[in-house]
């Protein structure tokens, strides 16, 4: 009987460090809150924007938009070196990044071309699309407190997407104005605004 009691006491004593360790881990530090971010359109910018009206009744379709798979995830991805990435555990996109990118591009074109006839892919095949903007983003990332980069290939299509009107490559760099993720996403929004201006200028030229 004494032998059994001694073994039970030994087991209980062995568990004490584990339980104490769990209490220390639970009680140390504060729980970090996940924050969510979205790209912003030119509607949220205070800068003066020169708008040009596209051809009157022309419908502009935006998409498909394709992003690199390493950034097309819920967490925000940054660079820590030329070949090294870091996935943020507590900084996430407020919606799928491809959807956010396409929506903001459409909002920017709506403003830059002074038209409300911009729709986002996918759309009904019966809709008469005058210009379709297809974007393949090759890079869309940056360094916290440093520089962000975007490289993209984009195509303007006509005739319901059956005719290639223009193909172009664009590259942008932007310095962040802060150290955190909010500044990083703001700089990425600025690069998307610059791409939107390039696309709007080409649509305007083709509409003349």
N, C-alpha and C. Protein backbone atom coordinates (compact mmCIF):
# COMPACT_ATOMS: atom_id res chain seq x y z
N UNK A 1 0.83 -1.21 0.00
CA UNK A 1 0.00 0.00 0.00
C UNK A 1 0.86 1.25 0.00
N UNK A 2 1.85 1.28 0.88
CA UNK A 2 2.75 2.44 0.93
C UNK A 2 3.50 2.62 -0.38
N UNK A 3 3.80 1.50 -1.01
CA UNK A 3 4.52 1.56 -2.29
C UNK A 3 3.68 2.24 -3.36
N UNK A 4 2.36 1.92 -3.36
CA UNK A 4 1.46 2.54 -4.35
C UNK A 4 1.32 4.03 -4.10
N UNK A 5 1.16 4.42 -2.82
CA UNK A 5 1.04 5.84 -2.47
C UNK A 5 2.28 6.60 -2.88
N UNK A 6 3.43 6.01 -2.69
CA UNK A 6 4.69 6.66 -3.05
C UNK A 6 4.77 6.90 -4.57
N UNK A 7 4.32 5.92 -5.36
CA UNK A 7 4.35 6.07 -6.81
C UNK A 7 3.41 7.17 -7.27
N UNK A 8 2.21 7.25 -6.65
CA UNK A 8 1.26 8.31 -7.02
C UNK A 8 1.80 9.69 -6.68
N UNK A 9 2.47 9.80 -5.54
CA UNK A 9 3.07 11.08 -5.16
C UNK A 9 4.17 11.46 -6.13
N UNK A 10 4.93 10.50 -6.59
CA UNK A 10 6.01 10.79 -7.53
C UNK A 10 5.47 11.30 -8.85
N UNK A 11 4.36 10.69 -9.32
CA UNK A 11 3.73 11.14 -10.57
C UNK A 11 3.21 12.56 -10.43
N UNK A 12 2.54 12.85 -9.31
CA UNK A 12 2.00 14.19 -9.09
C UNK A 12 3.10 15.24 -9.00
N UNK A 13 4.20 14.91 -8.35
CA UNK A 13 5.32 15.84 -8.24
C UNK A 13 5.95 16.09 -9.61
N UNK A 14 5.97 15.06 -10.45
CA UNK A 14 6.54 15.21 -11.78
C UNK A 14 5.70 16.15 -12.64
N UNK A 15 4.39 16.21 -12.37
CA UNK A 15 3.50 17.07 -13.16
C UNK A 15 3.57 18.52 -12.74
N UNK A 16 4.04 18.81 -11.54
CA UNK A 16 4.03 20.19 -11.04
C UNK A 16 4.81 21.15 -11.92
N UNK A 17 6.03 20.85 -12.39
CA UNK A 17 6.75 21.80 -13.25
C UNK A 17 6.01 22.10 -14.55
N UNK A 18 5.33 21.06 -15.11
CA UNK A 18 4.58 21.26 -16.35
C UNK A 18 3.44 22.24 -16.13
N UNK A 19 2.70 22.03 -15.03
CA UNK A 19 1.56 22.91 -14.73
C UNK A 19 2.02 24.32 -14.43
N UNK A 20 3.10 24.43 -13.68
CA UNK A 20 3.63 25.76 -13.35
C UNK A 20 4.12 26.47 -14.60
N UNK A 21 4.77 25.70 -15.49
CA UNK A 21 5.26 26.30 -16.72
C UNK A 21 4.11 26.84 -17.56
N UNK A 22 2.98 26.08 -17.62
CA UNK A 22 1.82 26.54 -18.37
C UNK A 22 1.25 27.82 -17.78
N UNK A 23 1.24 27.93 -16.48
CA UNK A 23 0.73 29.14 -15.83
C UNK A 23 1.61 30.34 -16.16
N UNK A 24 2.92 30.15 -16.23
CA UNK A 24 3.84 31.24 -16.53
C UNK A 24 3.65 31.71 -17.97
N UNK A 25 3.50 30.73 -18.88
CA UNK A 25 3.34 31.11 -20.28
C UNK A 25 2.03 31.85 -20.51
N UNK A 26 0.96 31.40 -19.84
CA UNK A 26 -0.33 32.06 -20.01
C UNK A 26 -0.34 33.45 -19.39
N UNK A 27 0.44 33.62 -18.34
CA UNK A 27 0.40 34.89 -17.64
C UNK A 27 1.43 35.89 -18.11
N UNK A 28 2.37 35.47 -18.95
CA UNK A 28 3.45 36.37 -19.37
C UNK A 28 3.06 37.10 -20.65
N UNK A 29 3.20 38.43 -20.67
CA UNK A 29 2.92 39.23 -21.86
C UNK A 29 1.43 39.42 -22.07
N UNK A 30 1.10 40.24 -23.07
CA UNK A 30 -0.30 40.47 -23.41
C UNK A 30 -0.60 39.85 -24.77
N UNK A 31 -1.82 39.46 -24.94
CA UNK A 31 -2.22 38.85 -26.21
C UNK A 31 -2.25 39.90 -27.31
N UNK A 32 -1.60 39.60 -28.43
CA UNK A 32 -1.54 40.55 -29.54
C UNK A 32 -2.78 40.42 -30.41
N UNK A 33 -3.33 41.56 -30.81
CA UNK A 33 -4.55 41.59 -31.60
C UNK A 33 -4.23 41.61 -33.09
N UNK A 34 -4.93 40.81 -33.86
CA UNK A 34 -4.76 40.81 -35.31
C UNK A 34 -5.37 42.08 -35.91
N UNK A 35 -4.66 42.72 -36.80
CA UNK A 35 -5.15 43.92 -37.48
C UNK A 35 -5.36 43.61 -38.96
N UNK A 36 -6.35 44.26 -39.55
CA UNK A 36 -6.70 44.01 -40.94
C UNK A 36 -6.50 45.28 -41.77
N UNK A 37 -6.04 45.10 -43.01
CA UNK A 37 -5.69 46.22 -43.87
C UNK A 37 -6.30 46.03 -45.26
N UNK A 38 -6.54 47.15 -45.94
CA UNK A 38 -7.03 47.12 -47.32
C UNK A 38 -6.31 48.18 -48.13
N UNK A 39 -6.17 47.92 -49.42
CA UNK A 39 -5.66 48.93 -50.34
C UNK A 39 -6.72 50.01 -50.50
N UNK A 40 -6.29 51.25 -50.63
CA UNK A 40 -7.22 52.37 -50.77
C UNK A 40 -7.22 52.91 -52.19
N UNK A 41 -8.36 53.38 -52.63
CA UNK A 41 -8.48 53.97 -53.96
C UNK A 41 -8.21 55.46 -53.90
N UNK A 42 -8.23 56.09 -55.06
CA UNK A 42 -8.00 57.53 -55.15
C UNK A 42 -9.13 58.32 -54.50
N UNK A 43 -10.27 57.70 -54.26
CA UNK A 43 -11.37 58.38 -53.59
C UNK A 43 -10.98 58.81 -52.18
N UNK A 44 -10.06 58.08 -51.58
CA UNK A 44 -9.65 58.40 -50.21
C UNK A 44 -8.44 59.33 -50.18
N UNK A 45 -7.93 59.71 -51.38
CA UNK A 45 -6.77 60.58 -51.45
C UNK A 45 -7.19 62.04 -51.42
N UNK A 46 -6.39 62.88 -50.77
CA UNK A 46 -6.67 64.32 -50.72
C UNK A 46 -6.05 65.06 -51.89
N UNK A 47 -5.27 64.35 -52.69
CA UNK A 47 -4.58 64.99 -53.81
C UNK A 47 -5.59 65.36 -54.91
N UNK A 48 -5.28 66.43 -55.62
CA UNK A 48 -6.11 66.82 -56.75
C UNK A 48 -5.85 65.85 -57.90
N UNK A 49 -6.93 65.40 -58.53
CA UNK A 49 -6.81 64.42 -59.60
C UNK A 49 -7.43 64.99 -60.86
N UNK A 50 -6.67 64.96 -61.93
CA UNK A 50 -7.19 65.41 -63.21
C UNK A 50 -7.93 64.27 -63.87
N UNK A 51 -9.21 64.43 -64.11
CA UNK A 51 -10.01 63.37 -64.70
C UNK A 51 -10.25 63.64 -66.18
N UNK A 52 -10.30 62.57 -66.95
CA UNK A 52 -10.57 62.66 -68.38
C UNK A 52 -11.68 61.68 -68.71
N UNK A 53 -12.65 62.14 -69.44
CA UNK A 53 -13.80 61.28 -69.73
C UNK A 53 -13.48 60.34 -70.88
N UNK A 54 -13.73 59.06 -70.65
CA UNK A 54 -13.59 58.07 -71.71
C UNK A 54 -14.79 58.17 -72.65
N UNK A 55 -14.74 57.41 -73.72
CA UNK A 55 -15.82 57.40 -74.69
C UNK A 55 -17.15 57.16 -73.99
N UNK A 56 -18.15 58.03 -74.25
CA UNK A 56 -19.43 58.10 -73.56
C UNK A 56 -20.03 56.84 -72.99
N UNK A 57 -20.49 55.92 -73.82
CA UNK A 57 -21.23 54.75 -73.34
C UNK A 57 -20.35 53.51 -73.22
N UNK A 58 -19.06 53.65 -73.35
CA UNK A 58 -18.17 52.50 -73.32
C UNK A 58 -18.12 51.88 -71.92
N UNK A 59 -18.29 50.58 -71.86
CA UNK A 59 -18.17 49.85 -70.59
C UNK A 59 -16.75 49.29 -70.49
N UNK A 60 -16.13 49.52 -69.34
CA UNK A 60 -14.75 49.07 -69.10
C UNK A 60 -14.79 47.92 -68.09
N UNK A 61 -14.23 46.80 -68.46
CA UNK A 61 -14.16 45.64 -67.58
C UNK A 61 -12.77 45.48 -67.00
N UNK A 62 -12.69 45.30 -65.70
CA UNK A 62 -11.40 45.13 -65.02
C UNK A 62 -11.26 43.68 -64.56
N UNK A 63 -10.26 43.01 -65.10
CA UNK A 63 -9.98 41.63 -64.70
C UNK A 63 -9.96 40.69 -65.89
N UNK A 64 -9.48 39.48 -65.66
CA UNK A 64 -8.99 38.97 -64.39
C UNK A 64 -7.69 39.65 -63.93
N UNK A 65 -7.50 39.67 -62.63
CA UNK A 65 -6.26 40.13 -62.02
C UNK A 65 -5.59 38.93 -61.37
N UNK A 66 -4.30 38.75 -61.67
CA UNK A 66 -3.55 37.63 -61.09
C UNK A 66 -2.36 38.15 -60.31
N UNK A 67 -2.23 37.71 -59.07
CA UNK A 67 -1.12 38.10 -58.20
C UNK A 67 -0.21 36.91 -57.94
N UNK A 68 1.05 37.16 -57.58
CA UNK A 68 1.94 36.05 -57.21
C UNK A 68 1.34 35.29 -56.03
N UNK A 69 1.44 33.98 -56.07
CA UNK A 69 0.84 33.17 -55.01
C UNK A 69 1.46 33.43 -53.65
N UNK A 70 2.72 33.85 -53.62
CA UNK A 70 3.35 34.06 -52.31
C UNK A 70 2.77 35.25 -51.55
N UNK A 71 2.11 36.17 -52.25
CA UNK A 71 1.46 37.29 -51.56
C UNK A 71 -0.06 37.15 -51.53
N UNK A 72 -0.60 36.29 -52.36
CA UNK A 72 -2.05 36.13 -52.45
C UNK A 72 -2.55 35.18 -51.36
N UNK A 73 -2.47 35.66 -50.14
CA UNK A 73 -2.83 34.88 -48.96
C UNK A 73 -3.39 35.84 -47.91
N UNK A 74 -4.05 35.35 -46.87
CA UNK A 74 -4.64 36.26 -45.89
C UNK A 74 -3.62 37.13 -45.17
N UNK A 75 -2.43 36.60 -44.88
CA UNK A 75 -1.41 37.36 -44.15
C UNK A 75 -0.63 38.27 -45.10
N UNK A 76 -0.22 39.43 -44.60
CA UNK A 76 0.62 40.32 -45.38
C UNK A 76 2.05 39.77 -45.39
N UNK A 77 2.64 39.75 -46.56
CA UNK A 77 3.99 39.21 -46.74
C UNK A 77 4.94 40.35 -47.05
N UNK A 78 6.06 40.40 -46.35
CA UNK A 78 7.09 41.41 -46.59
C UNK A 78 8.41 40.73 -46.89
N UNK A 79 9.36 41.53 -47.37
CA UNK A 79 10.70 41.01 -47.65
C UNK A 79 11.64 41.38 -46.51
N UNK A 80 12.48 40.42 -46.17
CA UNK A 80 13.53 40.67 -45.19
C UNK A 80 14.90 40.52 -45.84
N UNK A 81 14.91 40.18 -47.12
CA UNK A 81 16.14 40.03 -47.88
C UNK A 81 15.79 39.77 -49.32
N UNK A 82 16.82 39.68 -50.17
CA UNK A 82 16.57 39.48 -51.60
C UNK A 82 15.82 38.19 -51.88
N UNK A 83 16.08 37.16 -51.08
CA UNK A 83 15.47 35.86 -51.30
C UNK A 83 14.70 35.35 -50.07
N UNK A 84 14.36 36.25 -49.16
CA UNK A 84 13.71 35.83 -47.93
C UNK A 84 12.44 36.64 -47.70
N UNK A 85 11.38 35.93 -47.34
CA UNK A 85 10.08 36.54 -47.09
C UNK A 85 9.67 36.31 -45.64
N UNK A 86 8.81 37.21 -45.15
CA UNK A 86 8.27 37.05 -43.80
C UNK A 86 6.76 37.18 -43.85
N UNK A 87 6.07 36.20 -43.28
CA UNK A 87 4.61 36.22 -43.24
C UNK A 87 4.17 36.77 -41.89
N UNK A 88 3.41 37.86 -41.92
CA UNK A 88 3.00 38.53 -40.67
C UNK A 88 1.95 37.70 -39.95
N UNK A 89 2.17 37.37 -38.68
CA UNK A 89 1.18 36.57 -37.96
C UNK A 89 -0.05 37.37 -37.52
N UNK A 90 0.10 38.70 -37.36
CA UNK A 90 -1.01 39.51 -36.84
C UNK A 90 -1.41 40.67 -37.76
N UNK A 91 -0.93 40.66 -39.02
CA UNK A 91 -1.31 41.69 -40.00
C UNK A 91 -1.89 40.97 -41.21
N UNK A 92 -3.18 41.18 -41.44
CA UNK A 92 -3.87 40.43 -42.50
C UNK A 92 -4.63 41.38 -43.44
N UNK A 93 -4.92 40.86 -44.62
CA UNK A 93 -5.74 41.60 -45.57
C UNK A 93 -7.20 41.48 -45.17
N UNK A 94 -7.94 42.56 -45.32
CA UNK A 94 -9.34 42.58 -44.94
C UNK A 94 -10.24 41.82 -45.90
N UNK A 95 -9.75 41.52 -47.09
CA UNK A 95 -10.47 40.72 -48.08
C UNK A 95 -9.41 40.06 -48.96
N UNK A 96 -9.77 39.04 -49.75
CA UNK A 96 -8.77 38.43 -50.63
C UNK A 96 -8.05 39.50 -51.44
N UNK A 97 -6.72 39.42 -51.49
CA UNK A 97 -5.93 40.50 -52.07
C UNK A 97 -6.24 40.71 -53.54
N UNK A 98 -6.43 39.64 -54.30
CA UNK A 98 -6.77 39.80 -55.71
C UNK A 98 -8.07 40.57 -55.88
N UNK A 99 -9.06 40.28 -55.04
CA UNK A 99 -10.34 41.00 -55.11
C UNK A 99 -10.16 42.46 -54.74
N UNK A 100 -9.40 42.72 -53.69
CA UNK A 100 -9.13 44.10 -53.25
C UNK A 100 -8.41 44.88 -54.34
N UNK A 101 -7.41 44.27 -54.95
CA UNK A 101 -6.61 44.91 -56.01
C UNK A 101 -7.52 45.27 -57.20
N UNK A 102 -8.32 44.32 -57.65
CA UNK A 102 -9.20 44.55 -58.80
C UNK A 102 -10.24 45.63 -58.49
N UNK A 103 -10.81 45.58 -57.29
CA UNK A 103 -11.83 46.55 -56.92
C UNK A 103 -11.27 47.97 -56.87
N UNK A 104 -10.08 48.12 -56.28
CA UNK A 104 -9.46 49.44 -56.17
C UNK A 104 -9.06 49.96 -57.56
N UNK A 105 -8.54 49.07 -58.41
CA UNK A 105 -8.21 49.48 -59.78
C UNK A 105 -9.46 49.98 -60.49
N UNK A 106 -10.57 49.29 -60.32
CA UNK A 106 -11.82 49.71 -60.95
C UNK A 106 -12.28 51.06 -60.40
N UNK A 107 -12.19 51.25 -59.10
CA UNK A 107 -12.57 52.53 -58.50
C UNK A 107 -11.68 53.66 -59.02
N UNK A 108 -10.39 53.39 -59.15
CA UNK A 108 -9.48 54.42 -59.67
C UNK A 108 -9.82 54.79 -61.10
N UNK A 109 -10.10 53.79 -61.94
CA UNK A 109 -10.45 54.08 -63.33
C UNK A 109 -11.77 54.82 -63.42
N UNK A 110 -12.70 54.49 -62.55
CA UNK A 110 -13.97 55.22 -62.50
C UNK A 110 -13.74 56.70 -62.25
N UNK A 111 -12.82 57.01 -61.35
CA UNK A 111 -12.54 58.40 -61.02
C UNK A 111 -11.70 59.08 -62.09
N UNK A 112 -10.65 58.40 -62.55
CA UNK A 112 -9.74 59.01 -63.51
C UNK A 112 -10.40 59.25 -64.86
N UNK A 113 -11.33 58.38 -65.25
CA UNK A 113 -12.00 58.50 -66.54
C UNK A 113 -13.37 59.16 -66.43
N UNK A 114 -13.72 59.55 -65.21
CA UNK A 114 -15.00 60.22 -64.96
C UNK A 114 -16.17 59.45 -65.59
N UNK A 115 -16.27 58.19 -65.22
CA UNK A 115 -17.33 57.35 -65.74
C UNK A 115 -17.80 56.40 -64.65
N UNK A 116 -19.06 56.01 -64.71
CA UNK A 116 -19.56 55.01 -63.78
C UNK A 116 -19.77 53.68 -64.46
N UNK A 117 -19.20 53.53 -65.65
CA UNK A 117 -19.40 52.32 -66.44
C UNK A 117 -18.15 51.43 -66.38
N UNK A 118 -17.73 51.13 -65.16
CA UNK A 118 -16.58 50.25 -64.93
C UNK A 118 -17.07 49.09 -64.08
N UNK A 119 -16.83 47.86 -64.52
CA UNK A 119 -17.26 46.68 -63.78
C UNK A 119 -16.06 45.76 -63.56
N UNK A 120 -16.19 44.89 -62.57
CA UNK A 120 -15.11 44.00 -62.18
C UNK A 120 -15.44 42.57 -62.59
N UNK A 121 -14.45 41.87 -63.11
CA UNK A 121 -14.58 40.47 -63.52
C UNK A 121 -14.93 39.59 -62.32
N UNK A 122 -15.78 38.58 -62.49
CA UNK A 122 -16.42 38.14 -63.74
C UNK A 122 -17.72 38.89 -64.00
N UNK A 123 -18.10 38.95 -65.26
CA UNK A 123 -19.35 39.60 -65.63
C UNK A 123 -20.10 38.72 -66.63
N UNK A 124 -21.35 39.06 -66.85
CA UNK A 124 -22.17 38.32 -67.80
C UNK A 124 -21.64 38.53 -69.21
N UNK A 125 -21.53 37.44 -69.94
CA UNK A 125 -20.97 37.50 -71.30
C UNK A 125 -21.78 38.39 -72.23
N UNK A 126 -23.05 38.62 -71.89
CA UNK A 126 -23.90 39.44 -72.77
C UNK A 126 -23.61 40.94 -72.61
N UNK A 127 -22.87 41.32 -71.57
CA UNK A 127 -22.57 42.74 -71.37
C UNK A 127 -21.56 43.20 -72.43
N UNK A 128 -21.85 44.27 -73.15
CA UNK A 128 -20.95 44.73 -74.22
C UNK A 128 -19.73 45.48 -73.67
N UNK A 129 -18.67 44.77 -73.42
CA UNK A 129 -17.45 45.36 -72.87
C UNK A 129 -16.67 46.06 -73.98
N UNK A 130 -16.44 47.36 -73.82
CA UNK A 130 -15.67 48.10 -74.81
C UNK A 130 -14.17 47.89 -74.65
N UNK A 131 -13.70 48.00 -73.40
CA UNK A 131 -12.29 47.76 -73.08
C UNK A 131 -12.21 46.83 -71.88
N UNK A 132 -11.35 45.84 -71.99
CA UNK A 132 -11.11 44.93 -70.88
C UNK A 132 -9.66 45.05 -70.44
N UNK A 133 -9.44 45.22 -69.14
CA UNK A 133 -8.10 45.37 -68.58
C UNK A 133 -7.73 44.07 -67.86
N UNK A 134 -6.74 43.38 -68.37
CA UNK A 134 -6.25 42.14 -67.76
C UNK A 134 -4.88 42.42 -67.16
N UNK A 135 -4.69 42.09 -65.90
CA UNK A 135 -3.45 42.43 -65.20
C UNK A 135 -2.81 41.17 -64.62
N UNK A 136 -1.54 40.98 -64.92
CA UNK A 136 -0.75 39.92 -64.30
C UNK A 136 0.36 40.59 -63.49
N UNK A 137 0.22 40.54 -62.18
CA UNK A 137 1.20 41.18 -61.29
C UNK A 137 2.32 40.19 -61.02
N UNK A 138 3.55 40.60 -61.29
CA UNK A 138 4.71 39.72 -61.08
C UNK A 138 5.33 39.93 -59.69
N UNK A 139 5.18 41.14 -59.16
CA UNK A 139 5.73 41.41 -57.82
C UNK A 139 4.88 42.48 -57.15
N UNK A 140 4.62 42.27 -55.86
CA UNK A 140 3.81 43.23 -55.11
C UNK A 140 4.14 43.05 -53.63
N UNK A 141 5.27 43.60 -53.22
CA UNK A 141 5.72 43.43 -51.83
C UNK A 141 6.68 44.55 -51.48
N UNK A 142 7.24 44.48 -50.30
CA UNK A 142 8.18 45.51 -49.88
C UNK A 142 8.75 45.23 -48.51
N UNK A 143 9.51 46.19 -48.02
CA UNK A 143 10.20 46.09 -46.74
C UNK A 143 9.54 47.04 -45.75
N UNK A 144 9.22 46.56 -44.57
CA UNK A 144 8.66 47.43 -43.55
C UNK A 144 9.62 48.58 -43.26
N UNK A 145 9.09 49.81 -43.33
CA UNK A 145 9.92 50.97 -43.10
C UNK A 145 10.89 51.27 -44.21
N UNK A 146 10.73 50.60 -45.36
CA UNK A 146 11.65 50.79 -46.48
C UNK A 146 10.92 51.09 -47.78
N UNK A 147 11.16 50.28 -48.78
CA UNK A 147 10.63 50.51 -50.12
C UNK A 147 9.73 49.36 -50.54
N UNK A 148 8.66 49.69 -51.27
CA UNK A 148 7.79 48.67 -51.84
C UNK A 148 7.95 48.69 -53.35
N UNK A 149 7.68 47.55 -53.97
CA UNK A 149 7.86 47.41 -55.42
C UNK A 149 6.66 46.70 -56.04
N UNK A 150 6.37 47.08 -57.27
CA UNK A 150 5.35 46.37 -58.04
C UNK A 150 5.80 46.28 -59.49
N UNK A 151 5.71 45.08 -60.04
CA UNK A 151 5.94 44.87 -61.47
C UNK A 151 4.71 44.17 -62.02
N UNK A 152 4.22 44.66 -63.15
CA UNK A 152 3.00 44.10 -63.70
C UNK A 152 3.04 44.11 -65.23
N UNK A 153 2.41 43.11 -65.79
CA UNK A 153 2.14 43.08 -67.23
C UNK A 153 0.63 43.22 -67.39
N UNK A 154 0.22 44.15 -68.23
CA UNK A 154 -1.22 44.34 -68.40
C UNK A 154 -1.58 44.48 -69.87
N UNK A 155 -2.81 44.09 -70.15
CA UNK A 155 -3.28 44.04 -71.54
C UNK A 155 -4.63 44.72 -71.63
N UNK A 156 -4.79 45.51 -72.67
CA UNK A 156 -6.08 46.11 -73.00
C UNK A 156 -6.68 45.32 -74.16
N UNK A 157 -7.88 44.82 -73.94
CA UNK A 157 -8.58 44.04 -74.96
C UNK A 157 -9.81 44.78 -75.44
N UNK A 158 -10.18 44.54 -76.68
CA UNK A 158 -11.40 45.09 -77.24
C UNK A 158 -12.24 43.99 -77.86
N UNK A 159 -13.36 44.37 -78.43
CA UNK A 159 -14.23 43.39 -79.11
C UNK A 159 -14.60 42.23 -78.20
N UNK A 160 -15.14 42.57 -77.03
CA UNK A 160 -15.56 41.57 -76.06
C UNK A 160 -14.41 40.67 -75.60
N UNK A 161 -13.22 41.25 -75.54
CA UNK A 161 -12.06 40.50 -75.08
C UNK A 161 -11.39 39.65 -76.14
N UNK A 162 -11.84 39.75 -77.38
CA UNK A 162 -11.29 38.91 -78.45
C UNK A 162 -10.17 39.59 -79.24
N UNK A 163 -9.94 40.87 -78.98
CA UNK A 163 -8.93 41.60 -79.75
C UNK A 163 -7.95 42.29 -78.82
N UNK A 164 -6.66 42.05 -79.04
CA UNK A 164 -5.63 42.70 -78.23
C UNK A 164 -5.37 44.09 -78.80
N UNK A 165 -5.59 45.11 -77.98
CA UNK A 165 -5.37 46.50 -78.40
C UNK A 165 -3.99 47.00 -77.96
N UNK A 166 -3.53 46.52 -76.81
CA UNK A 166 -2.28 47.02 -76.24
C UNK A 166 -1.76 46.05 -75.20
N UNK A 167 -0.43 45.86 -75.20
CA UNK A 167 0.23 45.10 -74.13
C UNK A 167 1.37 45.95 -73.60
N UNK A 168 1.50 45.96 -72.27
CA UNK A 168 2.52 46.82 -71.68
C UNK A 168 3.02 46.24 -70.36
N UNK A 169 4.29 46.57 -70.04
CA UNK A 169 4.87 46.24 -68.74
C UNK A 169 5.05 47.53 -67.95
N UNK A 170 4.75 47.46 -66.66
CA UNK A 170 4.90 48.63 -65.80
C UNK A 170 5.66 48.22 -64.54
N UNK A 171 6.46 49.16 -64.04
CA UNK A 171 7.24 48.90 -62.83
C UNK A 171 7.23 50.14 -61.96
N UNK A 172 7.02 49.95 -60.66
CA UNK A 172 6.92 51.07 -59.73
C UNK A 172 7.67 50.77 -58.44
N UNK A 173 8.20 51.82 -57.85
CA UNK A 173 8.81 51.75 -56.52
C UNK A 173 8.30 52.93 -55.70
N UNK A 174 8.11 52.71 -54.43
CA UNK A 174 7.58 53.76 -53.56
C UNK A 174 8.18 53.60 -52.17
N UNK A 175 8.62 54.71 -51.58
CA UNK A 175 9.12 54.69 -50.21
C UNK A 175 7.96 54.75 -49.23
N UNK A 176 8.02 53.97 -48.18
CA UNK A 176 7.00 54.04 -47.15
C UNK A 176 7.24 55.27 -46.28
N UNK A 177 6.17 55.79 -45.71
CA UNK A 177 6.27 56.98 -44.86
C UNK A 177 6.13 56.63 -43.38
N UNK A 178 6.42 55.41 -43.05
CA UNK A 178 6.35 54.96 -41.66
C UNK A 178 6.96 53.59 -41.53
N UNK A 179 6.95 53.05 -40.32
CA UNK A 179 7.62 51.79 -40.05
C UNK A 179 6.68 50.59 -40.06
N UNK A 180 5.37 50.82 -39.96
CA UNK A 180 4.43 49.73 -39.78
C UNK A 180 3.74 49.28 -41.04
N UNK A 181 2.78 48.38 -40.86
CA UNK A 181 2.05 47.81 -41.99
C UNK A 181 1.12 48.82 -42.64
N UNK A 182 0.58 49.75 -41.85
CA UNK A 182 -0.30 50.77 -42.43
C UNK A 182 0.45 51.59 -43.48
N UNK A 183 1.69 51.97 -43.19
CA UNK A 183 2.51 52.73 -44.14
C UNK A 183 2.86 51.89 -45.35
N UNK A 184 3.11 50.60 -45.14
CA UNK A 184 3.44 49.70 -46.25
C UNK A 184 2.26 49.59 -47.20
N UNK A 185 1.05 49.38 -46.67
CA UNK A 185 -0.13 49.23 -47.51
C UNK A 185 -0.47 50.55 -48.20
N UNK A 186 -0.23 51.68 -47.53
CA UNK A 186 -0.47 52.99 -48.15
C UNK A 186 0.45 53.18 -49.36
N UNK A 187 1.70 52.75 -49.24
CA UNK A 187 2.64 52.87 -50.37
C UNK A 187 2.23 51.93 -51.50
N UNK A 188 1.72 50.75 -51.18
CA UNK A 188 1.24 49.85 -52.21
C UNK A 188 0.02 50.43 -52.92
N UNK A 189 -0.84 51.10 -52.18
CA UNK A 189 -1.99 51.77 -52.77
C UNK A 189 -1.55 52.86 -53.74
N UNK A 190 -0.48 53.56 -53.39
CA UNK A 190 0.04 54.61 -54.25
C UNK A 190 0.57 54.03 -55.56
N UNK A 191 1.24 52.88 -55.49
CA UNK A 191 1.72 52.24 -56.71
C UNK A 191 0.55 51.81 -57.60
N UNK A 192 -0.50 51.29 -56.98
CA UNK A 192 -1.68 50.90 -57.76
C UNK A 192 -2.33 52.12 -58.39
N UNK A 193 -2.28 53.26 -57.71
CA UNK A 193 -2.80 54.50 -58.29
C UNK A 193 -2.01 54.90 -59.53
N UNK A 194 -0.69 54.73 -59.47
CA UNK A 194 0.15 55.07 -60.62
C UNK A 194 -0.15 54.14 -61.80
N UNK A 195 -0.33 52.86 -61.53
CA UNK A 195 -0.71 51.93 -62.60
C UNK A 195 -2.06 52.33 -63.18
N UNK A 196 -2.98 52.71 -62.33
CA UNK A 196 -4.31 53.13 -62.79
C UNK A 196 -4.21 54.33 -63.72
N UNK A 197 -3.32 55.26 -63.41
CA UNK A 197 -3.14 56.44 -64.26
C UNK A 197 -2.60 56.04 -65.63
N UNK A 198 -1.68 55.10 -65.67
CA UNK A 198 -1.14 54.64 -66.95
C UNK A 198 -2.24 54.00 -67.80
N UNK A 199 -3.02 53.15 -67.18
CA UNK A 199 -4.09 52.47 -67.91
C UNK A 199 -5.14 53.47 -68.38
N UNK A 200 -5.50 54.41 -67.52
CA UNK A 200 -6.50 55.42 -67.89
C UNK A 200 -6.02 56.26 -69.07
N UNK A 201 -4.73 56.60 -69.08
CA UNK A 201 -4.19 57.39 -70.19
C UNK A 201 -4.28 56.63 -71.51
N UNK A 202 -4.01 55.33 -71.49
CA UNK A 202 -4.08 54.54 -72.71
C UNK A 202 -5.52 54.38 -73.19
N UNK A 203 -6.45 54.19 -72.26
CA UNK A 203 -7.86 54.08 -72.65
C UNK A 203 -8.34 55.39 -73.26
N UNK A 204 -7.92 56.50 -72.67
CA UNK A 204 -8.29 57.82 -73.20
C UNK A 204 -7.75 58.01 -74.61
N UNK A 205 -6.48 57.59 -74.83
CA UNK A 205 -5.88 57.73 -76.17
C UNK A 205 -6.61 56.86 -77.20
N UNK A 206 -6.98 55.67 -76.80
CA UNK A 206 -7.69 54.76 -77.73
C UNK A 206 -9.10 55.23 -78.02
N UNK A 207 -9.68 55.99 -77.11
CA UNK A 207 -11.07 56.43 -77.26
C UNK A 207 -11.21 57.62 -78.19
N UNK A 208 -10.10 58.27 -78.53
CA UNK A 208 -10.17 59.46 -79.39
C UNK A 208 -10.45 59.10 -80.84
